[in-house]
mmCIF file of all heavy atoms, coordinates in Angstrom:
data_MODEL
# 
_entry.id   MODEL 
# 
loop_
_atom_site.group_PDB 
_atom_site.id 
_atom_site.type_symbol 
_atom_site.label_atom_id 
_atom_site.label_alt_id 
_atom_site.label_comp_id 
_atom_site.label_asym_id 
_atom_site.label_entity_id 
_atom_site.label_seq_id 
_atom_site.pdbx_PDB_ins_code 
_atom_site.Cartn_x 
_atom_site.Cartn_y 
_atom_site.Cartn_z 
_atom_site.occupancy 
_atom_site.B_iso_or_equiv 
_atom_site.pdbx_formal_charge 
_atom_site.auth_seq_id 
_atom_site.auth_comp_id 
_atom_site.auth_asym_id 
_atom_site.auth_atom_id 
_atom_site.pdbx_PDB_model_num 
ATOM 1   N N   . GLU A 1 1  ? -3.935  1.885   7.066  1.00 0.00 ? 1  GLU A N   1 
ATOM 2   C CA  . GLU A 1 1  ? -4.353  3.283   6.965  1.00 0.00 ? 1  GLU A CA  1 
ATOM 3   C C   . GLU A 1 1  ? -5.397  3.567   8.027  1.00 0.00 ? 1  GLU A C   1 
ATOM 4   O O   . GLU A 1 1  ? -6.374  2.832   8.159  1.00 0.00 ? 1  GLU A O   1 
ATOM 5   C CB  . GLU A 1 1  ? -4.951  3.589   5.586  1.00 0.00 ? 1  GLU A CB  1 
ATOM 6   C CG  . GLU A 1 1  ? -3.948  3.710   4.475  1.00 0.00 ? 1  GLU A CG  1 
ATOM 7   C CD  . GLU A 1 1  ? -4.535  4.381   3.239  1.00 0.00 ? 1  GLU A CD  1 
ATOM 8   O OE1 . GLU A 1 1  ? -5.272  5.381   3.400  1.00 0.00 ? 1  GLU A OE1 1 
ATOM 9   O OE2 . GLU A 1 1  ? -4.256  3.902   2.121  1.00 0.00 ? 1  GLU A OE2 1 
ATOM 10  N N   . GLY A 1 2  ? -5.178  4.636   8.783  1.00 0.00 ? 2  GLY A N   1 
ATOM 11  C CA  . GLY A 1 2  ? -6.166  5.069   9.750  1.00 0.00 ? 2  GLY A CA  1 
ATOM 12  C C   . GLY A 1 2  ? -7.007  6.204   9.192  1.00 0.00 ? 2  GLY A C   1 
ATOM 13  O O   . GLY A 1 2  ? -6.991  6.490   7.994  1.00 0.00 ? 2  GLY A O   1 
ATOM 14  N N   . LYS A 1 3  ? -7.730  6.858   10.081 1.00 0.00 ? 3  LYS A N   1 
ATOM 15  C CA  . LYS A 1 3  ? -8.577  7.980   9.697  1.00 0.00 ? 3  LYS A CA  1 
ATOM 16  C C   . LYS A 1 3  ? -7.904  9.291   10.091 1.00 0.00 ? 3  LYS A C   1 
ATOM 17  O O   . LYS A 1 3  ? -7.064  9.332   10.991 1.00 0.00 ? 3  LYS A O   1 
ATOM 18  C CB  . LYS A 1 3  ? -9.935  7.871   10.391 1.00 0.00 ? 3  LYS A CB  1 
ATOM 19  C CG  . LYS A 1 3  ? -10.732 6.623   10.025 1.00 0.00 ? 3  LYS A CG  1 
ATOM 20  C CD  . LYS A 1 3  ? -12.052 6.582   10.789 1.00 0.00 ? 3  LYS A CD  1 
ATOM 21  C CE  . LYS A 1 3  ? -12.854 5.343   10.431 1.00 0.00 ? 3  LYS A CE  1 
ATOM 22  N NZ  . LYS A 1 3  ? -14.142 5.278   11.188 1.00 0.00 ? 3  LYS A NZ  1 
ATOM 23  N N   . ALA A 1 4  ? -8.301  10.357  9.448  1.00 0.00 ? 4  ALA A N   1 
ATOM 24  C CA  . ALA A 1 4  ? -7.743  11.666  9.775  1.00 0.00 ? 4  ALA A CA  1 
ATOM 25  C C   . ALA A 1 4  ? -8.040  12.046  11.219 1.00 0.00 ? 4  ALA A C   1 
ATOM 26  O O   . ALA A 1 4  ? -7.261  12.748  11.864 1.00 0.00 ? 4  ALA A O   1 
ATOM 27  C CB  . ALA A 1 4  ? -8.292  12.720  8.822  1.00 0.00 ? 4  ALA A CB  1 
ATOM 28  N N   . SER A 1 5  ? -9.147  11.566  11.748 1.00 0.00 ? 5  SER A N   1 
ATOM 29  C CA  . SER A 1 5  ? -9.539  11.889  13.122 1.00 0.00 ? 5  SER A CA  1 
ATOM 30  C C   . SER A 1 5  ? -8.775  11.073  14.158 1.00 0.00 ? 5  SER A C   1 
ATOM 31  O O   . SER A 1 5  ? -8.849  11.365  15.361 1.00 0.00 ? 5  SER A O   1 
ATOM 32  C CB  . SER A 1 5  ? -11.043 11.672  13.312 1.00 0.00 ? 5  SER A CB  1 
ATOM 33  O OG  . SER A 1 5  ? -11.395 10.322  13.003 1.00 0.00 ? 5  SER A OG  1 
ATOM 34  N N   . ASP A 1 6  ? -8.068  10.013  13.722 1.00 0.00 ? 6  ASP A N   1 
ATOM 35  C CA  . ASP A 1 6  ? -7.225  9.260   14.657 1.00 0.00 ? 6  ASP A CA  1 
ATOM 36  C C   . ASP A 1 6  ? -6.083  10.148  15.145 1.00 0.00 ? 6  ASP A C   1 
ATOM 37  O O   . ASP A 1 6  ? -5.778  11.184  14.546 1.00 0.00 ? 6  ASP A O   1 
ATOM 38  C CB  . ASP A 1 6  ? -6.637  8.019   13.973 1.00 0.00 ? 6  ASP A CB  1 
ATOM 39  C CG  . ASP A 1 6  ? -7.698  6.980   13.620 1.00 0.00 ? 6  ASP A CG  1 
ATOM 40  O OD1 . ASP A 1 6  ? -8.769  7.012   14.256 1.00 0.00 ? 6  ASP A OD1 1 
ATOM 41  O OD2 . ASP A 1 6  ? -7.446  6.166   12.725 1.00 0.00 ? 6  ASP A OD2 1 
ATOM 42  N N   . ILE A 1 7  ? -5.415  9.704   16.215 1.00 0.00 ? 7  ILE A N   1 
ATOM 43  C CA  . ILE A 1 7  ? -4.235  10.435  16.683 1.00 0.00 ? 7  ILE A CA  1 
ATOM 44  C C   . ILE A 1 7  ? -3.013  10.040  15.870 1.00 0.00 ? 7  ILE A C   1 
ATOM 45  O O   . ILE A 1 7  ? -2.280  10.884  15.362 1.00 0.00 ? 7  ILE A O   1 
ATOM 46  C CB  . ILE A 1 7  ? -3.980  10.168  18.181 1.00 0.00 ? 7  ILE A CB  1 
ATOM 47  C CG1 . ILE A 1 7  ? -5.192  10.609  18.999 1.00 0.00 ? 7  ILE A CG1 1 
ATOM 48  C CG2 . ILE A 1 7  ? -2.727  10.905  18.644 1.00 0.00 ? 7  ILE A CG2 1 
ATOM 49  C CD1 . ILE A 1 7  ? -5.560  12.060  18.836 1.00 0.00 ? 7  ILE A CD1 1 
ATOM 50  N N   . SER A 1 8  ? -2.767  8.728   15.729 1.00 0.00 ? 8  SER A N   1 
ATOM 51  C CA  . SER A 1 8  ? -1.602  8.267   14.978 1.00 0.00 ? 8  SER A CA  1 
ATOM 52  C C   . SER A 1 8  ? -1.735  6.789   14.663 1.00 0.00 ? 8  SER A C   1 
ATOM 53  O O   . SER A 1 8  ? -2.492  6.059   15.314 1.00 0.00 ? 8  SER A O   1 
ATOM 54  C CB  . SER A 1 8  ? -0.315  8.512   15.772 1.00 0.00 ? 8  SER A CB  1 
ATOM 55  O OG  . SER A 1 8  ? -0.294  7.715   16.944 1.00 0.00 ? 8  SER A OG  1 
ATOM 56  N N   . ILE A 1 9  ? -0.952  6.359   13.666 1.00 0.00 ? 9  ILE A N   1 
ATOM 57  C CA  . ILE A 1 9  ? -0.833  4.954   13.286 1.00 0.00 ? 9  ILE A CA  1 
ATOM 58  C C   . ILE A 1 9  ? 0.647   4.586   13.365 1.00 0.00 ? 9  ILE A C   1 
ATOM 59  O O   . ILE A 1 9  ? 1.507   5.351   12.914 1.00 0.00 ? 9  ILE A O   1 
ATOM 60  C CB  . ILE A 1 9  ? -1.349  4.705   11.852 1.00 0.00 ? 9  ILE A CB  1 
ATOM 61  C CG1 . ILE A 1 9  ? -2.799  5.174   11.713 1.00 0.00 ? 9  ILE A CG1 1 
ATOM 62  C CG2 . ILE A 1 9  ? -1.199  3.238   11.481 1.00 0.00 ? 9  ILE A CG2 1 
ATOM 63  C CD1 . ILE A 1 9  ? -3.785  4.469   12.610 1.00 0.00 ? 9  ILE A CD1 1 
ATOM 64  N N   . SER A 1 10 ? 0.946   3.420   13.934 1.00 0.00 ? 10 SER A N   1 
ATOM 65  C CA  . SER A 1 10 ? 2.344   2.992   14.011 1.00 0.00 ? 10 SER A CA  1 
ATOM 66  C C   . SER A 1 10 ? 2.432   1.487   13.790 1.00 0.00 ? 10 SER A C   1 
ATOM 67  O O   . SER A 1 10 ? 1.468   0.749   14.020 1.00 0.00 ? 10 SER A O   1 
ATOM 68  C CB  . SER A 1 10 ? 2.954   3.360   15.366 1.00 0.00 ? 10 SER A CB  1 
ATOM 69  O OG  . SER A 1 10 ? 2.226   2.765   16.424 1.00 0.00 ? 10 SER A OG  1 
ATOM 70  N N   . ALA A 1 11 ? 3.604   1.026   13.330 1.00 0.00 ? 11 ALA A N   1 
ATOM 71  C CA  . ALA A 1 11 ? 3.860   -0.395  13.124 1.00 0.00 ? 11 ALA A CA  1 
ATOM 72  C C   . ALA A 1 11 ? 5.266   -0.706  13.605 1.00 0.00 ? 11 ALA A C   1 
ATOM 73  O O   . ALA A 1 11 ? 6.162   0.146   13.528 1.00 0.00 ? 11 ALA A O   1 
ATOM 74  C CB  . ALA A 1 11 ? 3.705   -0.761  11.649 1.00 0.00 ? 11 ALA A CB  1 
ATOM 75  N N   . TRP A 1 12 ? 5.468   -1.912  14.118 1.00 0.00 ? 12 TRP A N   1 
ATOM 76  C CA  . TRP A 1 12 ? 6.802   -2.288  14.593 1.00 0.00 ? 12 TRP A CA  1 
ATOM 77  C C   . TRP A 1 12 ? 6.990   -3.791  14.529 1.00 0.00 ? 12 TRP A C   1 
ATOM 78  O O   . TRP A 1 12 ? 6.030   -4.564  14.421 1.00 0.00 ? 12 TRP A O   1 
ATOM 79  C CB  . TRP A 1 12 ? 7.040   -1.769  16.004 1.00 0.00 ? 12 TRP A CB  1 
ATOM 80  C CG  . TRP A 1 12 ? 6.181   -2.380  17.071 1.00 0.00 ? 12 TRP A CG  1 
ATOM 81  C CD1 . TRP A 1 12 ? 6.457   -3.453  17.857 1.00 0.00 ? 12 TRP A CD1 1 
ATOM 82  C CD2 . TRP A 1 12 ? 4.878   -1.922  17.493 1.00 0.00 ? 12 TRP A CD2 1 
ATOM 83  N NE1 . TRP A 1 12 ? 5.427   -3.701  18.736 1.00 0.00 ? 12 TRP A NE1 1 
ATOM 84  C CE2 . TRP A 1 12 ? 4.451   -2.778  18.539 1.00 0.00 ? 12 TRP A CE2 1 
ATOM 85  C CE3 . TRP A 1 12 ? 4.047   -0.885  17.085 1.00 0.00 ? 12 TRP A CE3 1 
ATOM 86  C CZ2 . TRP A 1 12 ? 3.217   -2.611  19.167 1.00 0.00 ? 12 TRP A CZ2 1 
ATOM 87  C CZ3 . TRP A 1 12 ? 2.826   -0.727  17.711 1.00 0.00 ? 12 TRP A CZ3 1 
ATOM 88  C CH2 . TRP A 1 12 ? 2.424   -1.573  18.742 1.00 0.00 ? 12 TRP A CH2 1 
ATOM 89  N N   . HIS A 1 13 ? 8.261   -4.195  14.605 1.00 0.00 ? 13 HIS A N   1 
ATOM 90  C CA  . HIS A 1 13 ? 8.649   -5.597  14.534 1.00 0.00 ? 13 HIS A CA  1 
ATOM 91  C C   . HIS A 1 13 ? 9.268   -6.013  15.856 1.00 0.00 ? 13 HIS A C   1 
ATOM 92  O O   . HIS A 1 13 ? 10.160  -5.339  16.380 1.00 0.00 ? 13 HIS A O   1 
ATOM 93  C CB  . HIS A 1 13 ? 9.665   -5.797  13.401 1.00 0.00 ? 13 HIS A CB  1 
ATOM 94  C CG  . HIS A 1 13 ? 10.175  -7.202  13.277 1.00 0.00 ? 13 HIS A CG  1 
ATOM 95  N ND1 . HIS A 1 13 ? 9.372   -8.248  12.883 1.00 0.00 ? 13 HIS A ND1 1 
ATOM 96  C CD2 . HIS A 1 13 ? 11.412  -7.737  13.505 1.00 0.00 ? 13 HIS A CD2 1 
ATOM 97  C CE1 . HIS A 1 13 ? 10.088  -9.364  12.857 1.00 0.00 ? 13 HIS A CE1 1 
ATOM 98  N NE2 . HIS A 1 13 ? 11.328  -9.095  13.235 1.00 0.00 ? 13 HIS A NE2 1 
ATOM 99  N N   . ASP A 1 14 ? 8.795   -7.110  16.425 1.00 0.00 ? 14 ASP A N   1 
ATOM 100 C CA  . ASP A 1 14 ? 9.354   -7.684  17.649 1.00 0.00 ? 14 ASP A CA  1 
ATOM 101 C C   . ASP A 1 14 ? 10.357  -8.758  17.230 1.00 0.00 ? 14 ASP A C   1 
ATOM 102 O O   . ASP A 1 14 ? 9.995   -9.763  16.609 1.00 0.00 ? 14 ASP A O   1 
ATOM 103 C CB  . ASP A 1 14 ? 8.228   -8.295  18.489 1.00 0.00 ? 14 ASP A CB  1 
ATOM 104 C CG  . ASP A 1 14 ? 8.725   -8.878  19.811 1.00 0.00 ? 14 ASP A CG  1 
ATOM 105 O OD1 . ASP A 1 14 ? 9.949   -9.019  19.992 1.00 0.00 ? 14 ASP A OD1 1 
ATOM 106 O OD2 . ASP A 1 14 ? 7.871   -9.201  20.660 1.00 0.00 ? 14 ASP A OD2 1 
ATOM 107 N N   . ARG A 1 15 ? 11.639  -8.552  17.580 1.00 0.00 ? 15 ARG A N   1 
ATOM 108 C CA  . ARG A 1 15 ? 12.714  -9.427  17.115 1.00 0.00 ? 15 ARG A CA  1 
ATOM 109 C C   . ARG A 1 15 ? 13.031  -10.556 18.093 1.00 0.00 ? 15 ARG A C   1 
ATOM 110 O O   . ARG A 1 15 ? 14.012  -11.281 17.909 1.00 0.00 ? 15 ARG A O   1 
ATOM 111 C CB  . ARG A 1 15 ? 13.987  -8.602  16.884 1.00 0.00 ? 15 ARG A CB  1 
ATOM 112 C CG  . ARG A 1 15 ? 13.830  -7.520  15.829 1.00 0.00 ? 15 ARG A CG  1 
ATOM 113 C CD  . ARG A 1 15 ? 15.089  -6.660  15.732 1.00 0.00 ? 15 ARG A CD  1 
ATOM 114 N NE  . ARG A 1 15 ? 16.274  -7.482  15.529 1.00 0.00 ? 15 ARG A NE  1 
ATOM 115 C CZ  . ARG A 1 15 ? 16.668  -7.948  14.348 1.00 0.00 ? 15 ARG A CZ  1 
ATOM 116 N NH1 . ARG A 1 15 ? 15.951  -7.681  13.270 1.00 0.00 ? 15 ARG A NH1 1 
ATOM 117 N NH2 . ARG A 1 15 ? 17.758  -8.679  14.235 1.00 0.00 ? 15 ARG A NH2 1 
ATOM 118 N N   . THR A 1 16 ? 12.251  -10.728 19.156 1.00 0.00 ? 16 THR A N   1 
ATOM 119 C CA  . THR A 1 16 ? 12.547  -11.750 20.158 1.00 0.00 ? 16 THR A CA  1 
ATOM 120 C C   . THR A 1 16 ? 12.689  -13.123 19.500 1.00 0.00 ? 16 THR A C   1 
ATOM 121 O O   . THR A 1 16 ? 11.743  -13.602 18.863 1.00 0.00 ? 16 THR A O   1 
ATOM 122 C CB  . THR A 1 16 ? 11.435  -11.815 21.216 1.00 0.00 ? 16 THR A CB  1 
ATOM 123 O OG1 . THR A 1 16 ? 11.247  -10.522 21.789 1.00 0.00 ? 16 THR A OG1 1 
ATOM 124 C CG2 . THR A 1 16 ? 11.797  -12.806 22.314 1.00 0.00 ? 16 THR A CG2 1 
ATOM 125 N N   . PRO A 1 17 ? 13.863  -13.776 19.627 1.00 0.00 ? 17 PRO A N   1 
ATOM 126 C CA  . PRO A 1 17 ? 14.066  -15.074 18.972 1.00 0.00 ? 17 PRO A CA  1 
ATOM 127 C C   . PRO A 1 17 ? 13.006  -16.088 19.381 1.00 0.00 ? 17 PRO A C   1 
ATOM 128 O O   . PRO A 1 17 ? 12.711  -16.281 20.559 1.00 0.00 ? 17 PRO A O   1 
ATOM 129 C CB  . PRO A 1 17 ? 15.466  -15.494 19.471 1.00 0.00 ? 17 PRO A CB  1 
ATOM 130 C CG  . PRO A 1 17 ? 16.156  -14.211 19.790 1.00 0.00 ? 17 PRO A CG  1 
ATOM 131 C CD  . PRO A 1 17 ? 15.076  -13.312 20.328 1.00 0.00 ? 17 PRO A CD  1 
ATOM 132 N N   . GLY A 1 18 ? 12.416  -16.727 18.380 1.00 0.00 ? 18 GLY A N   1 
ATOM 133 C CA  . GLY A 1 18 ? 11.376  -17.719 18.625 1.00 0.00 ? 18 GLY A CA  1 
ATOM 134 C C   . GLY A 1 18 ? 9.996   -17.124 18.755 1.00 0.00 ? 18 GLY A C   1 
ATOM 135 O O   . GLY A 1 18 ? 8.991   -17.854 18.750 1.00 0.00 ? 18 GLY A O   1 
ATOM 136 N N   . PHE A 1 19 ? 9.926   -15.793 18.888 1.00 0.00 ? 19 PHE A N   1 
ATOM 137 C CA  . PHE A 1 19 ? 8.627   -15.125 19.051 1.00 0.00 ? 19 PHE A CA  1 
ATOM 138 C C   . PHE A 1 19 ? 8.562   -13.883 18.161 1.00 0.00 ? 19 PHE A C   1 
ATOM 139 O O   . PHE A 1 19 ? 7.955   -12.876 18.534 1.00 0.00 ? 19 PHE A O   1 
ATOM 140 C CB  . PHE A 1 19 ? 8.405   -14.733 20.512 1.00 0.00 ? 19 PHE A CB  1 
ATOM 141 C CG  . PHE A 1 19 ? 8.350   -15.896 21.456 1.00 0.00 ? 19 PHE A CG  1 
ATOM 142 C CD1 . PHE A 1 19 ? 9.488   -16.307 22.137 1.00 0.00 ? 19 PHE A CD1 1 
ATOM 143 C CD2 . PHE A 1 19 ? 7.166   -16.596 21.652 1.00 0.00 ? 19 PHE A CD2 1 
ATOM 144 C CE1 . PHE A 1 19 ? 9.446   -17.383 23.011 1.00 0.00 ? 19 PHE A CE1 1 
ATOM 145 C CE2 . PHE A 1 19 ? 7.111   -17.673 22.517 1.00 0.00 ? 19 PHE A CE2 1 
ATOM 146 C CZ  . PHE A 1 19 ? 8.256   -18.079 23.200 1.00 0.00 ? 19 PHE A CZ  1 
ATOM 147 N N   . GLU A 1 20 ? 9.190   -13.962 16.978 1.00 0.00 ? 20 GLU A N   1 
ATOM 148 C CA  . GLU A 1 20 ? 9.176   -12.807 16.083 1.00 0.00 ? 20 GLU A CA  1 
ATOM 149 C C   . GLU A 1 20 ? 7.734   -12.501 15.659 1.00 0.00 ? 20 GLU A C   1 
ATOM 150 O O   . GLU A 1 20 ? 7.012   -13.378 15.201 1.00 0.00 ? 20 GLU A O   1 
ATOM 151 C CB  . GLU A 1 20 ? 10.032  -13.085 14.846 1.00 0.00 ? 20 GLU A CB  1 
ATOM 152 C CG  . GLU A 1 20 ? 11.518  -13.224 15.127 1.00 0.00 ? 20 GLU A CG  1 
ATOM 153 C CD  . GLU A 1 20 ? 11.946  -14.639 15.496 1.00 0.00 ? 20 GLU A CD  1 
ATOM 154 O OE1 . GLU A 1 20 ? 11.025  -15.482 15.720 1.00 0.00 ? 20 GLU A OE1 1 
ATOM 155 O OE2 . GLU A 1 20 ? 13.150  -14.920 15.564 1.00 0.00 ? 20 GLU A OE2 1 
ATOM 156 N N   . ARG A 1 21 ? 7.354   -11.253 15.856 1.00 0.00 ? 21 ARG A N   1 
ATOM 157 C CA  . ARG A 1 21 ? 5.990   -10.831 15.515 1.00 0.00 ? 21 ARG A CA  1 
ATOM 158 C C   . ARG A 1 21 ? 6.013   -9.408  14.966 1.00 0.00 ? 21 ARG A C   1 
ATOM 159 O O   . ARG A 1 21 ? 6.936   -8.641  15.228 1.00 0.00 ? 21 ARG A O   1 
ATOM 160 C CB  . ARG A 1 21 ? 5.070   -10.858 16.743 1.00 0.00 ? 21 ARG A CB  1 
ATOM 161 C CG  . ARG A 1 21 ? 4.927   -12.203 17.444 1.00 0.00 ? 21 ARG A CG  1 
ATOM 162 C CD  . ARG A 1 21 ? 3.888   -12.091 18.547 1.00 0.00 ? 21 ARG A CD  1 
ATOM 163 N NE  . ARG A 1 21 ? 3.741   -13.331 19.309 1.00 0.00 ? 21 ARG A NE  1 
ATOM 164 C CZ  . ARG A 1 21 ? 4.241   -13.522 20.525 1.00 0.00 ? 21 ARG A CZ  1 
ATOM 165 N NH1 . ARG A 1 21 ? 4.921   -12.550 21.122 1.00 0.00 ? 21 ARG A NH1 1 
ATOM 166 N NH2 . ARG A 1 21 ? 4.045   -14.675 21.156 1.00 0.00 ? 21 ARG A NH2 1 
ATOM 167 N N   . ASP A 1 22 ? 4.957   -9.072  14.243 1.00 0.00 ? 22 ASP A N   1 
ATOM 168 C CA  . ASP A 1 22 ? 4.774   -7.715  13.742 1.00 0.00 ? 22 ASP A CA  1 
ATOM 169 C C   . ASP A 1 22 ? 3.437   -7.184  14.253 1.00 0.00 ? 22 ASP A C   1 
ATOM 170 O O   . ASP A 1 22 ? 2.452   -7.928  14.335 1.00 0.00 ? 22 ASP A O   1 
ATOM 171 C CB  . ASP A 1 22 ? 4.797   -7.696  12.219 1.00 0.00 ? 22 ASP A CB  1 
ATOM 172 C CG  . ASP A 1 22 ? 6.144   -8.112  11.666 1.00 0.00 ? 22 ASP A CG  1 
ATOM 173 O OD1 . ASP A 1 22 ? 6.361   -9.324  11.450 1.00 0.00 ? 22 ASP A OD1 1 
ATOM 174 O OD2 . ASP A 1 22 ? 6.980   -7.219  11.469 1.00 0.00 ? 22 ASP A OD2 1 
ATOM 175 N N   . PHE A 1 23 ? 3.438   -5.880  14.592 1.00 0.00 ? 23 PHE A N   1 
ATOM 176 C CA  . PHE A 1 23 ? 2.242   -5.274  15.171 1.00 0.00 ? 23 PHE A CA  1 
ATOM 177 C C   . PHE A 1 23 ? 1.917   -3.953  14.477 1.00 0.00 ? 23 PHE A C   1 
ATOM 178 O O   . PHE A 1 23 ? 2.806   -3.259  13.964 1.00 0.00 ? 23 PHE A O   1 
ATOM 179 C CB  . PHE A 1 23 ? 2.450   -4.997  16.664 1.00 0.00 ? 23 PHE A CB  1 
ATOM 180 C CG  . PHE A 1 23 ? 2.581   -6.230  17.514 1.00 0.00 ? 23 PHE A CG  1 
ATOM 181 C CD1 . PHE A 1 23 ? 3.832   -6.734  17.842 1.00 0.00 ? 23 PHE A CD1 1 
ATOM 182 C CD2 . PHE A 1 23 ? 1.455   -6.890  17.977 1.00 0.00 ? 23 PHE A CD2 1 
ATOM 183 C CE1 . PHE A 1 23 ? 3.964   -7.866  18.629 1.00 0.00 ? 23 PHE A CE1 1 
ATOM 184 C CE2 . PHE A 1 23 ? 1.566   -8.025  18.760 1.00 0.00 ? 23 PHE A CE2 1 
ATOM 185 C CZ  . PHE A 1 23 ? 2.823   -8.520  19.089 1.00 0.00 ? 23 PHE A CZ  1 
ATOM 186 N N   . VAL A 1 24 ? 0.640   -3.619  14.502 1.00 0.00 ? 24 VAL A N   1 
ATOM 187 C CA  . VAL A 1 24 ? 0.156   -2.304  14.096 1.00 0.00 ? 24 VAL A CA  1 
ATOM 188 C C   . VAL A 1 24 ? -0.710  -1.774  15.231 1.00 0.00 ? 24 VAL A C   1 
ATOM 189 O O   . VAL A 1 24 ? -1.481  -2.523  15.837 1.00 0.00 ? 24 VAL A O   1 
ATOM 190 C CB  . VAL A 1 24 ? -0.674  -2.378  12.794 1.00 0.00 ? 24 VAL A CB  1 
ATOM 191 C CG1 . VAL A 1 24 ? -1.466  -1.084  12.590 1.00 0.00 ? 24 VAL A CG1 1 
ATOM 192 C CG2 . VAL A 1 24 ? 0.228   -2.627  11.605 1.00 0.00 ? 24 VAL A CG2 1 
ATOM 193 N N   . GLN A 1 25 ? -0.566  -0.486  15.502 1.00 0.00 ? 25 GLN A N   1 
ATOM 194 C CA  . GLN A 1 25 ? -1.426  0.147   16.513 1.00 0.00 ? 25 GLN A CA  1 
ATOM 195 C C   . GLN A 1 25 ? -2.118  1.361   15.912 1.00 0.00 ? 25 GLN A C   1 
ATOM 196 O O   . GLN A 1 25 ? -1.472  2.199   15.271 1.00 0.00 ? 25 GLN A O   1 
ATOM 197 C CB  . GLN A 1 25 ? -0.629  0.563   17.739 1.00 0.00 ? 25 GLN A CB  1 
ATOM 198 C CG  . GLN A 1 25 ? -1.504  1.224   18.810 1.00 0.00 ? 25 GLN A CG  1 
ATOM 199 C CD  . GLN A 1 25 ? -0.750  1.457   20.101 1.00 0.00 ? 25 GLN A CD  1 
ATOM 200 O OE1 . GLN A 1 25 ? -0.607  0.559   20.917 1.00 0.00 ? 25 GLN A OE1 1 
ATOM 201 N NE2 . GLN A 1 25 ? -0.261  2.671   20.281 1.00 0.00 ? 25 GLN A NE2 1 
# 
């Protein structure tokens, strides 16, 4: 959860085999 004053919050999954990762920005 971000703040109302932030611009946006996003999350994504990197499916690269052997390097699977999840990120939030």
